[in-house]
C-alpha atoms as a PDB file:
ATOM      1  CA  MET A   1      -0.119  -0.350  -0.450  1.00  0.00           C
ATOM      2  CA  ALA A   2       1.605   3.799  -0.600  1.00  0.00           C
ATOM      3  CA  ARG A   3       2.219   6.080   2.038  1.00  0.00           C
ATOM      4  CA  MET A   4       0.212   9.236   2.121  1.00  0.00           C
ATOM      5  CA  THR A   5       2.152  12.323   1.877  1.00  0.00           C
ATOM      6  CA  LYS A   6       1.944  14.774   4.618  1.00  0.00           C
ATOM      7  CA  HIS A   7       0.497  18.297   4.095  1.00  0.00           C
ATOM      8  CA  ARG A   8       3.518  20.167   5.745  1.00  0.00           C
ATOM      9  CA  ASP A   9       5.486  17.682   4.021  1.00  0.00           C
ATOM     10  CA  LEU A  10       4.675  19.141   0.233  1.00  0.00           C
ATOM     11  CA  PRO A  11       6.091  21.802  -1.854  1.00  0.00           C
ATOM     12  CA  GLN A  12       5.288  25.596  -1.328  1.00  0.00           C
ATOM     13  CA  LYS A  13       5.373  29.054  -2.600  1.00  0.00           C
ATOM     14  CA  ILE A  14       4.733  32.663  -1.950  1.00  0.00           C
ATOM     15  CA  CYS A  15       1.799  34.257  -4.524  1.00  0.00           C
ATOM     16  CA  PRO A  16       3.042  37.183  -5.626  1.00  0.00           C
ATOM     17  CA  CYS A  17      -0.145  39.249  -5.454  1.00  0.00           C
ATOM     18  CA  CYS A  18      -1.464  38.845  -1.958  1.00  0.00           C
ATOM     19  CA  HIS A  19       1.805  37.243  -0.294  1.00  0.00           C
ATOM     20  CA  ARG A  20       1.168  34.414   1.333  1.00  0.00           C
ATOM     21  CA  PRO A  21       2.167  31.035   1.099  1.00  0.00           C
ATOM     22  CA  PHE A  22       0.500  27.867  -0.926  1.00  0.00           C
ATOM     23  CA  ARG A  23       0.866  24.012  -1.394  1.00  0.00           C
ATOM     24  CA  TRP A  24       1.264  21.378  -3.834  1.00  0.00           C
ATOM     25  CA  ARG A  25      -1.924  20.454  -5.665  1.00  0.00           C
ATOM     26  CA  LYS A  26      -2.354  17.484  -7.232  1.00  0.00           C
ATOM     27  CA  LYS A  27      -4.325  19.312 -10.271  1.00  0.00           C
ATOM     28  CA  TRP A  28      -0.924  21.085 -10.636  1.00  0.00           C
ATOM     29  CA  ALA A  29       1.097  17.874 -11.042  1.00  0.00           C
ATOM     30  CA  ARG A  30       1.903  18.049 -14.559  1.00  0.00           C
ATOM     31  CA  ILE A  31       2.716  22.516 -14.235  1.00  0.00           C
ATOM     32  CA  TRP A  32       4.290  23.467 -10.887  1.00  0.00           C
ATOM     33  CA  GLU A  33       6.693  25.236 -11.959  1.00  0.00           C
ATOM     34  CA  GLU A  34       5.280  27.361 -14.166  1.00  0.00           C
ATOM     35  CA  VAL A  35       2.519  27.776 -11.225  1.00  0.00           C
ATOM     36  CA  ARG A  36       2.468  31.667  -9.619  1.00  0.00           C
ATOM     37  CA  TYR A  37      -0.782  32.634  -7.305  1.00  0.00           C
ATOM     38  CA  CYS A  38      -2.360  31.046  -5.464  1.00  0.00           C
ATOM     39  CA  SER A  39      -6.065  31.255  -6.661  1.00  0.00           C
ATOM     40  CA  GLU A  40      -7.569  32.706  -9.957  1.00  0.00           C
ATOM     41  CA  LYS A  41      -8.656  35.605  -7.772  1.00  0.00           C
ATOM     42  CA  CYS A  42      -5.137  36.320  -7.221  1.00  0.00           C
ATOM     43  CA  ARG A  43      -4.163  35.606 -10.623  1.00  0.00           C
ATOM     44  CA  ARG A  44      -6.934  38.365 -11.957  1.00  0.00           C
ATOM     45  CA  SER A  45      -6.755  40.807  -9.127  1.00  0.00           C
ATOM     46  CA  ARG A  46      -2.594  41.033 -10.477  1.00  0.00           C
ATOM     47  CA  ALA A  47      -3.311  40.811 -14.706  1.00  0.00           C
ATOM     48  CA  GLU A  48      -6.280  44.513 -13.644  1.00  0.00           C
ATOM     49  CA  GLY A  49      -3.406  46.332 -11.518  1.00  0.00           C
ATOM     50  CA  ARG A  50      -0.940  46.021 -14.667  1.00  0.00           C
ATOM     51  CA  ARG A  51      -3.630  47.685 -16.716  1.00  0.00           C
ATOM     52  CA  ASP A  52      -4.418  50.084 -14.383  1.00  0.00           C
ATOM     53  CA  ALA A  53      -0.671  51.298 -13.767  1.00  0.00           C
ATOM     54  CA  ALA A  54      -0.433  51.073 -18.441  1.00  0.00           C
ATOM     55  CA  GLY A  55      -3.649  53.982 -17.934  1.00  0.00           C
ATOM     56  CA  ARG A  56      -5.387  51.348 -20.311  1.00  0.00           C
END
């Protein structure tokens, strides 16, 4: 039987938008290196912030 991985043993990153730590999720297994934001809300708010700074 396979061993369960403890939550504390999973890889972790810091979200550049909210500055909170977030951990690896199974749905991100193939793209973990590309994941930057902890949630869709952070990803969207970061994109909106760039548009506002550009004066659009």
